[in-house]
Amino acid sequence: MDTYLPTVELSFFSILSYALILTTVSLVFFHMTKFKSIELPHMYAAIFSITLITISVLYIGIALFQYYQRIQYIFDKNEEDKDQESYEKTYFTLYVVIGVILTFFQLLVCLVMIRSTKV
């Protein structure tokens, strides 16, 4: 495989890290407004938190799309190394599944925030 591969995975995990930081900030902010650490109506806090989580979901979607494109480029470029490619395809599938699960849970958190916020 190419030395390009660690760079692709590093980029993917960097974007996932930013997305998870956004989600964490969103949840901490929402929690602080629920327990009156910050004086802000719950509706505004929910909108702000859901917006941050939505941005995080977009980051994950973009990261998954870029990762897919870059890995496909590497697979197409390295046709002769089939043994290594099967391992990389396993990792690729695992990373995509984890990204989709993260996205699902973030959207579930948004749904819980919407349902728990009184208008």
N, C-alpha and C. Protein backbone atom coordinates (compact mmCIF):
# COMPACT_ATOMS: atom_id res chain seq x y z
N MET A 1 0.83 -1.18 0.00
CA MET A 1 0.00 0.00 0.00
C MET A 1 0.87 1.25 0.00
N ASP A 2 0.26 2.30 -0.28
CA ASP A 2 0.94 3.58 -0.44
C ASP A 2 1.15 4.26 0.92
N THR A 3 2.11 5.15 1.00
CA THR A 3 2.29 5.93 2.24
C THR A 3 1.20 6.97 2.39
N TYR A 4 0.38 7.11 1.37
CA TYR A 4 -0.74 8.05 1.39
C TYR A 4 -1.82 7.59 2.37
N LEU A 5 -1.89 6.28 2.62
CA LEU A 5 -2.95 5.71 3.45
C LEU A 5 -2.97 6.27 4.88
N PRO A 6 -1.84 6.33 5.60
CA PRO A 6 -1.91 6.90 6.96
C PRO A 6 -2.41 8.35 6.96
N THR A 7 -2.08 9.10 5.93
CA THR A 7 -2.55 10.48 5.83
C THR A 7 -4.07 10.51 5.67
N VAL A 8 -4.61 9.59 4.89
CA VAL A 8 -6.06 9.51 4.69
C VAL A 8 -6.76 9.20 6.00
N GLU A 9 -6.25 8.23 6.73
CA GLU A 9 -6.87 7.87 8.00
C GLU A 9 -6.69 8.96 9.05
N LEU A 10 -5.54 9.60 9.05
CA LEU A 10 -5.31 10.70 9.98
C LEU A 10 -6.28 11.85 9.72
N SER A 11 -6.50 12.16 8.47
CA SER A 11 -7.46 13.19 8.11
C SER A 11 -8.87 12.81 8.55
N PHE A 12 -9.24 11.56 8.32
CA PHE A 12 -10.57 11.06 8.70
C PHE A 12 -10.77 11.17 10.22
N PHE A 13 -9.77 10.71 10.99
CA PHE A 13 -9.91 10.74 12.44
C PHE A 13 -9.84 12.15 12.99
N SER A 14 -9.11 13.04 12.33
CA SER A 14 -9.08 14.43 12.77
C SER A 14 -10.46 15.07 12.64
N ILE A 15 -11.11 14.83 11.52
CA ILE A 15 -12.45 15.38 11.32
C ILE A 15 -13.44 14.76 12.31
N LEU A 16 -13.31 13.45 12.56
CA LEU A 16 -14.19 12.81 13.55
C LEU A 16 -13.96 13.41 14.94
N SER A 17 -12.72 13.73 15.26
CA SER A 17 -12.42 14.34 16.56
C SER A 17 -13.09 15.70 16.68
N TYR A 18 -13.01 16.51 15.63
CA TYR A 18 -13.68 17.81 15.65
C TYR A 18 -15.19 17.64 15.81
N ALA A 19 -15.74 16.67 15.12
CA ALA A 19 -17.17 16.44 15.21
C ALA A 19 -17.58 16.03 16.62
N LEU A 20 -16.80 15.18 17.25
CA LEU A 20 -17.13 14.75 18.61
C LEU A 20 -16.93 15.88 19.62
N ILE A 21 -15.96 16.74 19.38
CA ILE A 21 -15.80 17.91 20.25
C ILE A 21 -17.01 18.82 20.14
N LEU A 22 -17.50 19.04 18.93
CA LEU A 22 -18.71 19.85 18.74
C LEU A 22 -19.90 19.24 19.47
N THR A 23 -20.04 17.94 19.38
CA THR A 23 -21.14 17.27 20.06
C THR A 23 -21.01 17.42 21.57
N THR A 24 -19.80 17.27 22.08
CA THR A 24 -19.57 17.41 23.52
C THR A 24 -19.89 18.82 23.99
N VAL A 25 -19.43 19.81 23.25
CA VAL A 25 -19.74 21.20 23.60
C VAL A 25 -21.24 21.43 23.60
N SER A 26 -21.91 20.88 22.62
CA SER A 26 -23.35 21.03 22.52
C SER A 26 -24.06 20.42 23.74
N LEU A 27 -23.65 19.22 24.12
CA LEU A 27 -24.29 18.55 25.25
C LEU A 27 -23.99 19.26 26.58
N VAL A 28 -22.76 19.73 26.75
CA VAL A 28 -22.42 20.46 27.97
C VAL A 28 -23.23 21.75 28.05
N PHE A 29 -23.31 22.46 26.95
CA PHE A 29 -24.09 23.70 26.92
C PHE A 29 -25.56 23.43 27.24
N PHE A 30 -26.14 22.42 26.63
CA PHE A 30 -27.54 22.08 26.88
C PHE A 30 -27.74 21.70 28.34
N HIS A 31 -26.82 20.93 28.90
CA HIS A 31 -26.90 20.53 30.30
C HIS A 31 -26.81 21.75 31.23
N MET A 32 -25.92 22.67 30.90
CA MET A 32 -25.76 23.87 31.73
C MET A 32 -27.03 24.71 31.74
N THR A 33 -27.72 24.78 30.63
CA THR A 33 -28.97 25.56 30.61
C THR A 33 -30.10 24.83 31.33
N LYS A 34 -30.09 23.52 31.29
CA LYS A 34 -31.12 22.75 32.00
C LYS A 34 -31.00 22.92 33.51
N PHE A 35 -29.77 23.02 34.01
CA PHE A 35 -29.56 23.13 35.44
C PHE A 35 -29.22 24.55 35.88
N LYS A 36 -29.60 25.50 35.04
CA LYS A 36 -29.55 26.93 35.37
C LYS A 36 -28.14 27.47 35.64
N SER A 37 -27.11 26.83 35.11
CA SER A 37 -25.77 27.41 35.21
C SER A 37 -25.67 28.61 34.28
N ILE A 38 -26.42 28.54 33.19
CA ILE A 38 -26.50 29.65 32.24
C ILE A 38 -27.97 30.01 32.12
N GLU A 39 -28.27 31.28 32.24
CA GLU A 39 -29.66 31.73 32.12
C GLU A 39 -29.99 31.93 30.64
N LEU A 40 -30.70 31.01 30.10
CA LEU A 40 -31.11 31.04 28.70
C LEU A 40 -32.36 30.17 28.58
N PRO A 41 -33.35 30.63 27.84
CA PRO A 41 -34.53 29.79 27.65
C PRO A 41 -34.15 28.44 27.04
N HIS A 42 -34.83 27.40 27.48
CA HIS A 42 -34.52 26.05 27.01
C HIS A 42 -34.67 25.91 25.50
N MET A 43 -35.60 26.63 24.93
CA MET A 43 -35.81 26.55 23.48
C MET A 43 -34.57 27.05 22.73
N TYR A 44 -34.01 28.15 23.17
CA TYR A 44 -32.80 28.69 22.52
C TYR A 44 -31.62 27.74 22.70
N ALA A 45 -31.52 27.19 23.90
CA ALA A 45 -30.44 26.24 24.17
C ALA A 45 -30.57 25.01 23.28
N ALA A 46 -31.79 24.52 23.11
CA ALA A 46 -32.01 23.36 22.26
C ALA A 46 -31.67 23.67 20.80
N ILE A 47 -32.09 24.84 20.33
CA ILE A 47 -31.78 25.22 18.95
C ILE A 47 -30.28 25.33 18.75
N PHE A 48 -29.59 25.97 19.68
CA PHE A 48 -28.14 26.11 19.60
C PHE A 48 -27.46 24.75 19.62
N SER A 49 -27.87 23.89 20.54
CA SER A 49 -27.26 22.56 20.66
C SER A 49 -27.53 21.69 19.44
N ILE A 50 -28.75 21.73 18.96
CA ILE A 50 -29.10 20.93 17.78
C ILE A 50 -28.35 21.43 16.55
N THR A 51 -28.15 22.73 16.45
CA THR A 51 -27.38 23.28 15.35
C THR A 51 -25.93 22.78 15.39
N LEU A 52 -25.33 22.78 16.58
CA LEU A 52 -23.97 22.27 16.71
C LEU A 52 -23.88 20.79 16.37
N ILE A 53 -24.85 20.01 16.81
CA ILE A 53 -24.84 18.59 16.50
C ILE A 53 -25.06 18.37 15.00
N THR A 54 -25.90 19.18 14.38
CA THR A 54 -26.12 19.08 12.93
C THR A 54 -24.83 19.38 12.17
N ILE A 55 -24.10 20.38 12.61
CA ILE A 55 -22.81 20.69 11.99
C ILE A 55 -21.86 19.50 12.18
N SER A 56 -21.89 18.90 13.35
CA SER A 56 -21.07 17.73 13.62
C SER A 56 -21.43 16.56 12.70
N VAL A 57 -22.72 16.34 12.50
CA VAL A 57 -23.18 15.29 11.59
C VAL A 57 -22.70 15.57 10.16
N LEU A 58 -22.76 16.84 9.76
CA LEU A 58 -22.26 17.20 8.43
C LEU A 58 -20.77 16.94 8.31
N TYR A 59 -20.01 17.27 9.36
CA TYR A 59 -18.57 16.97 9.36
C TYR A 59 -18.33 15.47 9.17
N ILE A 60 -19.07 14.66 9.89
CA ILE A 60 -18.89 13.22 9.78
C ILE A 60 -19.26 12.74 8.37
N GLY A 61 -20.35 13.27 7.82
CA GLY A 61 -20.73 12.89 6.46
C GLY A 61 -19.67 13.26 5.44
N ILE A 62 -19.13 14.45 5.56
CA ILE A 62 -18.06 14.89 4.65
C ILE A 62 -16.83 14.02 4.84
N ALA A 63 -16.49 13.73 6.10
CA ALA A 63 -15.32 12.90 6.37
C ALA A 63 -15.48 11.50 5.78
N LEU A 64 -16.66 10.92 5.93
CA LEU A 64 -16.90 9.59 5.36
C LEU A 64 -16.81 9.62 3.84
N PHE A 65 -17.36 10.65 3.22
CA PHE A 65 -17.31 10.76 1.76
C PHE A 65 -15.88 10.93 1.27
N GLN A 66 -15.11 11.82 1.93
CA GLN A 66 -13.71 12.01 1.54
C GLN A 66 -12.91 10.73 1.76
N TYR A 67 -13.14 10.07 2.87
CA TYR A 67 -12.42 8.84 3.17
C TYR A 67 -12.72 7.79 2.10
N TYR A 68 -13.99 7.65 1.74
CA TYR A 68 -14.37 6.70 0.70
C TYR A 68 -13.66 7.02 -0.61
N GLN A 69 -13.68 8.28 -1.03
CA GLN A 69 -13.04 8.66 -2.30
C GLN A 69 -11.55 8.39 -2.27
N ARG A 70 -10.90 8.74 -1.19
CA ARG A 70 -9.45 8.57 -1.11
C ARG A 70 -9.04 7.11 -1.04
N ILE A 71 -9.80 6.31 -0.30
CA ILE A 71 -9.49 4.88 -0.23
C ILE A 71 -9.72 4.21 -1.58
N GLN A 72 -10.80 4.59 -2.26
CA GLN A 72 -11.05 4.02 -3.59
C GLN A 72 -9.92 4.37 -4.55
N TYR A 73 -9.40 5.58 -4.45
CA TYR A 73 -8.28 6.00 -5.29
C TYR A 73 -7.06 5.12 -5.01
N ILE A 74 -6.80 4.86 -3.72
CA ILE A 74 -5.66 4.02 -3.36
C ILE A 74 -5.86 2.60 -3.85
N PHE A 75 -7.06 2.04 -3.70
CA PHE A 75 -7.33 0.69 -4.17
C PHE A 75 -7.17 0.59 -5.68
N ASP A 76 -7.67 1.59 -6.40
CA ASP A 76 -7.55 1.58 -7.85
C ASP A 76 -6.10 1.72 -8.30
N LYS A 77 -5.33 2.48 -7.55
CA LYS A 77 -3.93 2.73 -7.89
C LYS A 77 -3.05 1.51 -7.62
N ASN A 78 -3.36 0.76 -6.60
CA ASN A 78 -2.54 -0.39 -6.17
C ASN A 78 -3.24 -1.70 -6.49
N GLU A 79 -3.39 -2.00 -7.74
CA GLU A 79 -4.07 -3.23 -8.17
C GLU A 79 -3.26 -4.49 -7.85
N GLU A 80 -1.93 -4.39 -7.76
CA GLU A 80 -1.10 -5.59 -7.61
C GLU A 80 -1.03 -6.11 -6.18
N ASP A 81 -1.36 -5.33 -5.18
CA ASP A 81 -1.22 -5.72 -3.78
C ASP A 81 -2.58 -6.14 -3.20
N LYS A 82 -3.07 -7.31 -3.61
CA LYS A 82 -4.42 -7.75 -3.23
C LYS A 82 -4.51 -8.22 -1.78
N ASP A 83 -3.42 -8.78 -1.22
CA ASP A 83 -3.48 -9.25 0.16
C ASP A 83 -3.66 -8.09 1.14
N GLN A 84 -2.87 -7.07 0.96
CA GLN A 84 -2.97 -5.89 1.83
C GLN A 84 -4.31 -5.19 1.64
N GLU A 85 -4.82 -5.21 0.42
CA GLU A 85 -6.07 -4.53 0.13
C GLU A 85 -7.24 -5.12 0.91
N SER A 86 -7.26 -6.44 1.12
CA SER A 86 -8.37 -7.05 1.86
C SER A 86 -8.39 -6.55 3.31
N TYR A 87 -7.21 -6.38 3.92
CA TYR A 87 -7.17 -5.82 5.28
C TYR A 87 -7.66 -4.38 5.28
N GLU A 88 -7.22 -3.63 4.31
CA GLU A 88 -7.63 -2.23 4.25
C GLU A 88 -9.13 -2.10 4.00
N LYS A 89 -9.70 -3.00 3.21
CA LYS A 89 -11.15 -2.96 2.99
C LYS A 89 -11.91 -3.29 4.27
N THR A 90 -11.34 -4.17 5.09
CA THR A 90 -11.96 -4.47 6.39
C THR A 90 -11.95 -3.24 7.28
N TYR A 91 -10.81 -2.57 7.36
CA TYR A 91 -10.72 -1.34 8.15
C TYR A 91 -11.66 -0.27 7.60
N PHE A 92 -11.70 -0.16 6.29
CA PHE A 92 -12.58 0.82 5.64
C PHE A 92 -14.03 0.57 6.05
N THR A 93 -14.46 -0.67 5.96
CA THR A 93 -15.84 -1.01 6.34
C THR A 93 -16.10 -0.71 7.81
N LEU A 94 -15.15 -1.05 8.66
CA LEU A 94 -15.29 -0.79 10.09
C LEU A 94 -15.41 0.70 10.37
N TYR A 95 -14.57 1.51 9.74
CA TYR A 95 -14.61 2.95 9.95
C TYR A 95 -15.91 3.56 9.45
N VAL A 96 -16.39 3.08 8.33
CA VAL A 96 -17.66 3.60 7.79
C VAL A 96 -18.82 3.23 8.72
N VAL A 97 -18.83 2.00 9.20
CA VAL A 97 -19.90 1.57 10.11
C VAL A 97 -19.87 2.40 11.40
N ILE A 98 -18.69 2.61 11.95
CA ILE A 98 -18.58 3.42 13.16
C ILE A 98 -19.04 4.86 12.90
N GLY A 99 -18.68 5.42 11.75
CA GLY A 99 -19.13 6.76 11.38
C GLY A 99 -20.64 6.85 11.27
N VAL A 100 -21.25 5.83 10.68
CA VAL A 100 -22.71 5.82 10.54
C VAL A 100 -23.37 5.67 11.91
N ILE A 101 -22.82 4.83 12.77
CA ILE A 101 -23.37 4.67 14.12
C ILE A 101 -23.27 5.98 14.90
N LEU A 102 -22.12 6.65 14.81
CA LEU A 102 -21.97 7.95 15.47
C LEU A 102 -23.01 8.95 14.98
N THR A 103 -23.21 8.98 13.69
CA THR A 103 -24.20 9.89 13.10
C THR A 103 -25.60 9.56 13.62
N PHE A 104 -25.92 8.27 13.67
CA PHE A 104 -27.23 7.84 14.16
C PHE A 104 -27.44 8.29 15.60
N PHE A 105 -26.44 8.09 16.46
CA PHE A 105 -26.58 8.48 17.86
C PHE A 105 -26.67 9.99 18.01
N GLN A 106 -25.96 10.73 17.19
CA GLN A 106 -26.06 12.19 17.27
C GLN A 106 -27.46 12.65 16.88
N LEU A 107 -28.00 12.05 15.85
CA LEU A 107 -29.38 12.40 15.46
C LEU A 107 -30.38 11.98 16.53
N LEU A 108 -30.11 10.88 17.20
CA LEU A 108 -30.97 10.43 18.30
C LEU A 108 -30.91 11.43 19.46
N VAL A 109 -29.72 11.95 19.75
CA VAL A 109 -29.57 12.97 20.80
C VAL A 109 -30.38 14.22 20.43
N CYS A 110 -30.33 14.60 19.15
CA CYS A 110 -31.14 15.75 18.70
C CYS A 110 -32.62 15.50 18.94
N LEU A 111 -33.06 14.30 18.63
CA LEU A 111 -34.47 13.96 18.84
C LEU A 111 -34.84 14.04 20.32
N VAL A 112 -33.99 13.55 21.18
CA VAL A 112 -34.24 13.61 22.62
C VAL A 112 -34.29 15.07 23.09
N MET A 113 -33.39 15.90 22.56
CA MET A 113 -33.41 17.31 22.93
C MET A 113 -34.70 17.98 22.49
N ILE A 114 -35.15 17.66 21.30
CA ILE A 114 -36.39 18.25 20.80
C ILE A 114 -37.56 17.83 21.66
N ARG A 115 -37.62 16.56 22.02
CA ARG A 115 -38.74 16.06 22.82
C ARG A 115 -38.71 16.56 24.26
N SER A 116 -37.52 16.80 24.78
CA SER A 116 -37.44 17.23 26.18
C SER A 116 -37.58 18.74 26.36
N THR A 117 -37.55 19.48 25.28
CA THR A 117 -37.66 20.93 25.37
C THR A 117 -39.11 21.34 25.27
N LYS A 118 -39.55 22.06 26.25
CA LYS A 118 -40.93 22.55 26.25
C LYS A 118 -40.98 23.91 25.58
N VAL A 119 -41.96 24.08 24.72
CA VAL A 119 -42.10 25.34 23.97
C VAL A 119 -42.70 26.42 24.82
